[in-house]
Amino acid sequence: MKRRNRQEYQEYDAQTAEAIRNAANRLISAAGAPQKITGREISKVVPHLSQLRRRPEKAPLTSQALEEVLETQEAFTVRRIQWIAQRYLEEQVYPQEWEFLQRVNLRKTTLQNPIIGQAFNDAMITLSRPP
């Protein structure tokens, strides 16, 4: 990255933050199975990201954008549960609990997490009654 004056760096930071948000939105809305939104996935689309991550004080908007879009394992698991439930609905298949767990690739112990457990229960309720 070439040397930038303060004004250029602020513009570069704002452009990078916008690119991060756009990349995350594209990854979330991509066809196919959900992909966890990680720094590595974002940096595939925003290649100069690693340079800015090393100097967060110079790129506050970039840091904020990353904080907003990076997914925790919990958030990704919930999104995956919702995505698979939607696939079942499209297929008009109403699975047993064990079938859903298997397709989501979850262990029953993971359901002890209240947020994941609630997402799973909501999905099973939706899938328990054909429309």
C-alpha atoms as a PDB file:
ATOM      1  CA  MET A   1       0.000   0.000   0.000  1.00  0.00           C
ATOM      2  CA  LYS A   2       1.461   3.371  -0.964  1.00  0.00           C
ATOM      3  CA  ARG A   3       1.897   6.137   1.586  1.00  0.00           C
ATOM      4  CA  ARG A   4      -1.261   8.151   1.987  1.00  0.00           C
ATOM      5  CA  ASN A   5      -1.891  11.494   3.581  1.00  0.00           C
ATOM      6  CA  ARG A   6      -4.491  11.741   6.346  1.00  0.00           C
ATOM      7  CA  GLN A   7      -7.350  12.728   4.012  1.00  0.00           C
ATOM      8  CA  GLU A   8      -6.562   9.912   1.573  1.00  0.00           C
ATOM      9  CA  TYR A   9      -6.331   7.414   4.413  1.00  0.00           C
ATOM     10  CA  GLN A  10      -9.753   8.444   5.741  1.00  0.00           C
ATOM     11  CA  GLU A  11     -11.277   8.036   2.264  1.00  0.00           C
ATOM     12  CA  TYR A  12      -9.505   4.704   1.828  1.00  0.00           C
ATOM     13  CA  ASP A  13     -10.801   3.592   5.234  1.00  0.00           C
ATOM     14  CA  ALA A  14     -14.391   4.552   4.308  1.00  0.00           C
ATOM     15  CA  GLN A  15     -14.153   2.781   0.939  1.00  0.00           C
ATOM     16  CA  THR A  16     -12.741  -0.347   2.575  1.00  0.00           C
ATOM     17  CA  ALA A  17     -15.476  -0.351   5.231  1.00  0.00           C
ATOM     18  CA  GLU A  18     -18.102  -0.180   2.479  1.00  0.00           C
ATOM     19  CA  ALA A  19     -16.349  -2.960   0.538  1.00  0.00           C
ATOM     20  CA  ILE A  20     -16.394  -5.136   3.682  1.00  0.00           C
ATOM     21  CA  ARG A  21     -20.137  -4.648   4.169  1.00  0.00           C
ATOM     22  CA  ASN A  22     -20.803  -5.369   0.489  1.00  0.00           C
ATOM     23  CA  ALA A  23     -18.650  -8.510   0.592  1.00  0.00           C
ATOM     24  CA  ALA A  24     -20.470  -9.775   3.684  1.00  0.00           C
ATOM     25  CA  ASN A  25     -23.864  -9.139   2.072  1.00  0.00           C
ATOM     26  CA  ARG A  26     -22.784 -11.016  -1.056  1.00  0.00           C
ATOM     27  CA  LEU A  27     -21.551 -13.956   1.029  1.00  0.00           C
ATOM     28  CA  ILE A  28     -24.779 -14.088   3.044  1.00  0.00           C
ATOM     29  CA  SER A  29     -26.989 -13.930  -0.029  1.00  0.00           C
ATOM     30  CA  ALA A  30     -24.897 -16.310  -2.153  1.00  0.00           C
ATOM     31  CA  ALA A  31     -26.660 -19.375  -3.501  1.00  0.00           C
ATOM     32  CA  GLY A  32     -25.892 -22.669  -1.876  1.00  0.00           C
ATOM     33  CA  ALA A  33     -25.091 -23.668   1.661  1.00  0.00           C
ATOM     34  CA  PRO A  34     -24.300 -20.842   4.078  1.00  0.00           C
ATOM     35  CA  GLN A  35     -20.693 -19.863   4.492  1.00  0.00           C
ATOM     36  CA  LYS A  36     -19.457 -18.436   7.787  1.00  0.00           C
ATOM     37  CA  ILE A  37     -18.506 -14.776   7.485  1.00  0.00           C
ATOM     38  CA  THR A  38     -14.884 -14.693   8.622  1.00  0.00           C
ATOM     39  CA  GLY A  39     -12.021 -12.276   8.161  1.00  0.00           C
ATOM     40  CA  ARG A  40     -10.439 -14.753   5.780  1.00  0.00           C
ATOM     41  CA  GLU A  41     -13.566 -14.921   3.589  1.00  0.00           C
ATOM     42  CA  ILE A  42     -13.853 -11.122   3.551  1.00  0.00           C
ATOM     43  CA  SER A  43     -10.161 -10.704   2.700  1.00  0.00           C
ATOM     44  CA  LYS A  44     -10.627 -12.911  -0.374  1.00  0.00           C
ATOM     45  CA  VAL A  45     -12.893 -10.170  -1.726  1.00  0.00           C
ATOM     46  CA  VAL A  46     -11.116  -7.208  -0.096  1.00  0.00           C
ATOM     47  CA  PRO A  47      -7.458  -8.215  -0.542  1.00  0.00           C
ATOM     48  CA  HIS A  48      -5.899  -5.136   1.094  1.00  0.00           C
ATOM     49  CA  LEU A  49      -7.848  -5.788   4.300  1.00  0.00           C
ATOM     50  CA  SER A  50      -4.948  -7.477   6.092  1.00  0.00           C
ATOM     51  CA  GLN A  51      -2.857  -4.315   5.778  1.00  0.00           C
ATOM     52  CA  LEU A  52      -5.558  -2.213   7.416  1.00  0.00           C
ATOM     53  CA  ARG A  53      -6.227  -4.789  10.149  1.00  0.00           C
ATOM     54  CA  ARG A  54      -2.629  -4.432  11.320  1.00  0.00           C
ATOM     55  CA  ARG A  55      -3.175  -0.733  12.015  1.00  0.00           C
ATOM     56  CA  PRO A  56      -6.723  -0.460  13.408  1.00  0.00           C
ATOM     57  CA  GLU A  57      -6.080   2.997  14.852  1.00  0.00           C
ATOM     58  CA  LYS A  58      -5.619   4.291  11.297  1.00  0.00           C
ATOM     59  CA  ALA A  59      -8.719   2.524   9.992  1.00  0.00           C
ATOM     60  CA  PRO A  60     -11.520   2.910  12.547  1.00  0.00           C
ATOM     61  CA  LEU A  61     -14.314   2.552   9.977  1.00  0.00           C
ATOM     62  CA  THR A  62     -12.775  -0.653   8.654  1.00  0.00           C
ATOM     63  CA  SER A  63     -12.481  -2.028  12.195  1.00  0.00           C
ATOM     64  CA  GLN A  64     -16.086  -1.109  12.929  1.00  0.00           C
ATOM     65  CA  ALA A  65     -17.325  -2.694   9.691  1.00  0.00           C
ATOM     66  CA  LEU A  66     -15.473  -5.914  10.491  1.00  0.00           C
ATOM     67  CA  GLU A  67     -16.926  -5.984  13.983  1.00  0.00           C
ATOM     68  CA  GLU A  68     -20.410  -5.615  12.499  1.00  0.00           C
ATOM     69  CA  VAL A  69     -20.145  -8.346   9.860  1.00  0.00           C
ATOM     70  CA  LEU A  70     -17.915 -11.097  11.297  1.00  0.00           C
ATOM     71  CA  GLU A  71     -20.027 -14.020  12.490  1.00  0.00           C
ATOM     72  CA  THR A  72     -19.673 -15.874  15.723  1.00  0.00           C
ATOM     73  CA  GLN A  73     -20.047 -19.633  15.578  1.00  0.00           C
ATOM     74  CA  GLU A  74     -23.381 -19.207  17.356  1.00  0.00           C
ATOM     75  CA  ALA A  75     -24.718 -16.732  14.768  1.00  0.00           C
ATOM     76  CA  PHE A  76     -23.529 -18.922  11.914  1.00  0.00           C
ATOM     77  CA  THR A  77     -25.174 -22.008  13.425  1.00  0.00           C
ATOM     78  CA  VAL A  78     -28.480 -20.155  13.765  1.00  0.00           C
ATOM     79  CA  ARG A  79     -28.267 -18.992  10.146  1.00  0.00           C
ATOM     80  CA  ARG A  80     -27.481 -22.533   9.022  1.00  0.00           C
ATOM     81  CA  ILE A  81     -30.465 -23.925  10.982  1.00  0.00           C
ATOM     82  CA  GLN A  82     -32.745 -21.375   9.327  1.00  0.00           C
ATOM     83  CA  TRP A  83     -31.331 -22.103   5.883  1.00  0.00           C
ATOM     84  CA  ILE A  84     -31.794 -25.872   6.240  1.00  0.00           C
ATOM     85  CA  ALA A  85     -35.317 -25.418   7.588  1.00  0.00           C
ATOM     86  CA  GLN A  86     -36.100 -23.375   4.492  1.00  0.00           C
ATOM     87  CA  ARG A  87     -34.693 -26.143   2.260  1.00  0.00           C
ATOM     88  CA  TYR A  88     -36.950 -28.685   3.982  1.00  0.00           C
ATOM     89  CA  LEU A  89     -39.959 -26.444   3.396  1.00  0.00           C
ATOM     90  CA  GLU A  90     -39.056 -26.051  -0.276  1.00  0.00           C
ATOM     91  CA  GLU A  91     -38.679 -29.825  -0.568  1.00  0.00           C
ATOM     92  CA  GLN A  92     -41.966 -30.277   1.325  1.00  0.00           C
ATOM     93  CA  VAL A  93     -40.232 -32.669   3.705  1.00  0.00           C
ATOM     94  CA  TYR A  94     -41.082 -32.631   7.406  1.00  0.00           C
ATOM     95  CA  PRO A  95     -38.181 -34.326   9.213  1.00  0.00           C
ATOM     96  CA  GLN A  96     -37.903 -35.975  12.573  1.00  0.00           C
ATOM     97  CA  GLU A  97     -35.704 -34.182  15.107  1.00  0.00           C
ATOM     98  CA  TRP A  98     -32.795 -36.584  14.573  1.00  0.00           C
ATOM     99  CA  GLU A  99     -32.970 -36.111  10.793  1.00  0.00           C
ATOM    100  CA  PHE A 100     -32.851 -32.346  11.156  1.00  0.00           C
ATOM    101  CA  LEU A 101     -29.940 -32.557  13.615  1.00  0.00           C
ATOM    102  CA  GLN A 102     -28.087 -34.810  11.220  1.00  0.00           C
ATOM    103  CA  ARG A 103     -28.612 -32.534   8.221  1.00  0.00           C
ATOM    104  CA  VAL A 104     -27.624 -29.442  10.193  1.00  0.00           C
ATOM    105  CA  ASN A 105     -24.645 -31.405  11.489  1.00  0.00           C
ATOM    106  CA  LEU A 106     -25.325 -30.571  15.148  1.00  0.00           C
ATOM    107  CA  ARG A 107     -24.918 -32.530  18.318  1.00  0.00           C
ATOM    108  CA  LYS A 108     -27.730 -32.510  20.836  1.00  0.00           C
ATOM    109  CA  THR A 109     -25.335 -30.924  23.345  1.00  0.00           C
ATOM    110  CA  THR A 110     -25.036 -27.866  21.067  1.00  0.00           C
ATOM    111  CA  LEU A 111     -28.755 -27.283  21.620  1.00  0.00           C
ATOM    112  CA  GLN A 112     -27.978 -26.460  25.258  1.00  0.00           C
ATOM    113  CA  ASN A 113     -26.902 -23.041  24.003  1.00  0.00           C
ATOM    114  CA  PRO A 114     -30.132 -21.048  24.529  1.00  0.00           C
ATOM    115  CA  ILE A 115     -29.957 -19.110  21.260  1.00  0.00           C
ATOM    116  CA  ILE A 116     -29.143 -22.154  19.140  1.00  0.00           C
ATOM    117  CA  GLY A 117     -31.687 -24.249  21.021  1.00  0.00           C
ATOM    118  CA  GLN A 118     -34.392 -21.634  20.397  1.00  0.00           C
ATOM    119  CA  ALA A 119     -33.563 -21.445  16.684  1.00  0.00           C
ATOM    120  CA  PHE A 120     -33.721 -25.232  16.469  1.00  0.00           C
ATOM    121  CA  ASN A 121     -37.051 -25.388  18.335  1.00  0.00           C
ATOM    122  CA  ASP A 122     -38.509 -22.647  16.129  1.00  0.00           C
ATOM    123  CA  ALA A 123     -37.418 -24.552  13.028  1.00  0.00           C
ATOM    124  CA  MET A 124     -38.898 -27.816  14.319  1.00  0.00           C
ATOM    125  CA  ILE A 125     -42.211 -26.088  15.110  1.00  0.00           C
ATOM    126  CA  THR A 126     -42.311 -24.674  11.584  1.00  0.00           C
ATOM    127  CA  LEU A 127     -41.478 -28.081  10.127  1.00  0.00           C
ATOM    128  CA  SER A 128     -43.944 -29.992  12.306  1.00  0.00           C
ATOM    129  CA  ARG A 129     -47.002 -28.811  10.449  1.00  0.00           C
ATOM    130  CA  PRO A 130     -47.380 -28.956   6.687  1.00  0.00           C
ATOM    131  CA  PRO A 131     -48.814 -25.721   5.252  1.00  0.00           C
END
